[in-house]
């Protein structure tokens, strides 16, 4: 699918983009309705995700 970016879950809770080696990030640490960004991985709270089935 064009425009789709896949991220892999890691053991520290970050979502890693294998092509860029960067993580999914909420730049302003917002918990709701924040635009997301791709950023250097650092496992700060704005990069840790809880995935539910």
N, C-alpha and C. Protein backbone atom coordinates (compact mmCIF):
# COMPACT_ATOMS: atom_id res chain seq x y z
N UNK A 1 0.85 -1.17 0.00
CA UNK A 1 0.00 0.00 0.00
C UNK A 1 0.90 1.24 0.00
N UNK A 2 0.72 2.14 -0.95
CA UNK A 2 1.54 3.36 -0.99
C UNK A 2 1.33 4.23 0.24
N UNK A 3 2.41 4.78 0.75
CA UNK A 3 2.32 5.66 1.91
C UNK A 3 2.29 4.94 3.24
N UNK A 4 2.28 3.62 3.23
CA UNK A 4 2.25 2.86 4.46
C UNK A 4 3.66 2.72 5.03
N UNK A 5 3.80 2.98 6.31
CA UNK A 5 5.08 2.82 6.99
C UNK A 5 4.89 1.76 8.06
N UNK A 6 5.72 0.73 8.01
CA UNK A 6 5.63 -0.34 8.99
C UNK A 6 6.64 -0.11 10.11
N UNK A 7 6.21 -0.38 11.32
CA UNK A 7 7.09 -0.27 12.49
C UNK A 7 7.08 -1.61 13.22
N UNK A 8 8.22 -2.00 13.71
CA UNK A 8 8.33 -3.24 14.48
C UNK A 8 8.38 -2.92 15.96
N UNK A 9 7.59 -3.67 16.74
CA UNK A 9 7.65 -3.52 18.19
C UNK A 9 8.97 -4.06 18.72
N UNK A 10 9.54 -3.41 19.71
CA UNK A 10 10.79 -3.85 20.31
C UNK A 10 10.58 -4.21 21.77
N UNK A 11 11.57 -4.80 22.40
CA UNK A 11 11.43 -5.23 23.79
C UNK A 11 11.31 -4.07 24.77
N UNK A 12 11.77 -2.87 24.39
CA UNK A 12 11.66 -1.72 25.30
C UNK A 12 10.38 -0.92 25.08
N UNK A 13 9.49 -1.40 24.20
CA UNK A 13 8.20 -0.75 23.98
C UNK A 13 8.18 0.26 22.86
N UNK A 14 9.32 0.51 22.23
CA UNK A 14 9.34 1.46 21.11
C UNK A 14 8.88 0.77 19.84
N UNK A 15 8.45 1.57 18.87
CA UNK A 15 8.06 1.07 17.55
C UNK A 15 9.10 1.56 16.55
N UNK A 16 9.90 0.63 16.06
CA UNK A 16 11.04 0.94 15.21
C UNK A 16 10.70 0.79 13.74
N UNK A 17 11.03 1.81 12.95
CA UNK A 17 10.92 1.73 11.50
C UNK A 17 12.22 1.11 10.99
N UNK A 18 12.18 -0.11 10.45
CA UNK A 18 13.41 -0.78 10.04
C UNK A 18 14.12 -0.10 8.87
N UNK A 19 13.41 0.64 8.05
CA UNK A 19 14.04 1.31 6.91
C UNK A 19 14.84 2.53 7.34
N UNK A 20 14.34 3.28 8.32
CA UNK A 20 15.03 4.50 8.74
C UNK A 20 15.83 4.30 10.03
N UNK A 21 15.59 3.19 10.73
CA UNK A 21 16.19 2.92 12.04
C UNK A 21 15.81 4.01 13.04
N UNK A 22 14.59 4.56 12.90
CA UNK A 22 14.08 5.57 13.82
C UNK A 22 12.77 5.08 14.42
N UNK A 23 12.33 5.73 15.49
CA UNK A 23 11.17 5.28 16.24
C UNK A 23 9.98 6.23 16.09
N UNK A 24 8.78 5.66 16.28
CA UNK A 24 7.56 6.46 16.29
C UNK A 24 7.55 7.28 17.57
N UNK A 25 7.21 8.56 17.45
CA UNK A 25 7.41 9.51 18.52
C UNK A 25 6.24 10.49 18.60
N UNK A 26 5.82 10.86 19.80
CA UNK A 26 4.88 11.97 19.97
C UNK A 26 5.70 13.17 20.43
N UNK A 27 5.97 14.13 19.55
CA UNK A 27 6.91 15.21 19.83
C UNK A 27 6.60 16.03 21.08
N UNK A 28 5.33 16.23 21.41
CA UNK A 28 5.01 17.09 22.56
C UNK A 28 4.57 16.29 23.79
N UNK A 29 4.86 14.97 23.81
CA UNK A 29 4.51 14.09 24.91
C UNK A 29 3.00 14.03 25.14
N UNK A 30 2.21 14.42 24.14
CA UNK A 30 0.75 14.40 24.28
C UNK A 30 0.25 12.96 24.26
N UNK A 31 -0.79 12.70 25.02
CA UNK A 31 -1.36 11.36 25.07
C UNK A 31 -2.53 11.18 24.11
N UNK A 32 -3.09 12.28 23.61
CA UNK A 32 -4.23 12.16 22.71
C UNK A 32 -4.11 13.15 21.56
N UNK A 33 -4.50 12.72 20.40
CA UNK A 33 -4.64 13.57 19.21
C UNK A 33 -3.39 14.34 18.81
N UNK A 34 -2.24 13.83 19.10
CA UNK A 34 -1.01 14.52 18.72
C UNK A 34 -0.53 14.02 17.36
N UNK A 35 -0.01 14.91 16.52
CA UNK A 35 0.61 14.42 15.29
C UNK A 35 1.87 13.62 15.66
N UNK A 36 2.05 12.51 15.00
CA UNK A 36 3.20 11.66 15.30
C UNK A 36 4.38 12.02 14.42
N UNK A 37 5.57 11.62 14.85
CA UNK A 37 6.78 11.91 14.10
C UNK A 37 7.70 10.69 14.16
N UNK A 38 8.68 10.67 13.31
CA UNK A 38 9.73 9.66 13.33
C UNK A 38 10.98 10.35 13.88
N UNK A 39 11.60 9.75 14.90
CA UNK A 39 12.71 10.41 15.59
C UNK A 39 13.76 9.38 15.98
N UNK A 40 14.96 9.85 16.30
CA UNK A 40 15.99 8.94 16.79
C UNK A 40 15.46 8.20 18.02
N UNK A 41 15.71 6.90 18.08
CA UNK A 41 15.23 6.09 19.20
C UNK A 41 15.99 6.42 20.47
N UNK A 42 15.22 6.65 21.55
CA UNK A 42 15.85 6.91 22.85
C UNK A 42 15.03 6.34 24.00
N UNK A 43 13.92 5.67 23.70
CA UNK A 43 13.06 4.99 24.69
C UNK A 43 12.54 5.92 25.78
N UNK A 44 12.38 7.21 25.48
CA UNK A 44 11.74 8.10 26.43
C UNK A 44 10.24 7.82 26.41
N UNK A 45 9.51 8.36 27.38
CA UNK A 45 8.09 8.04 27.50
C UNK A 45 7.27 8.40 26.27
N UNK A 46 7.71 9.36 25.49
CA UNK A 46 6.96 9.71 24.29
C UNK A 46 7.25 8.75 23.13
N UNK A 47 8.06 7.73 23.36
CA UNK A 47 8.33 6.72 22.34
C UNK A 47 7.92 5.32 22.76
N UNK A 48 7.43 5.15 23.99
CA UNK A 48 7.06 3.83 24.47
C UNK A 48 5.56 3.63 24.26
N UNK A 49 5.22 2.53 23.63
CA UNK A 49 3.84 2.23 23.25
C UNK A 49 3.39 0.92 23.88
N UNK A 50 2.11 0.85 24.22
CA UNK A 50 1.50 -0.39 24.70
C UNK A 50 0.58 -0.87 23.61
N UNK A 51 0.91 -2.03 23.05
CA UNK A 51 0.13 -2.59 21.95
C UNK A 51 -0.89 -3.56 22.51
N UNK A 52 -2.11 -3.41 22.08
CA UNK A 52 -3.18 -4.29 22.52
C UNK A 52 -3.71 -5.04 21.31
N UNK A 53 -4.09 -6.27 21.53
CA UNK A 53 -4.61 -7.11 20.44
C UNK A 53 -6.02 -6.71 20.09
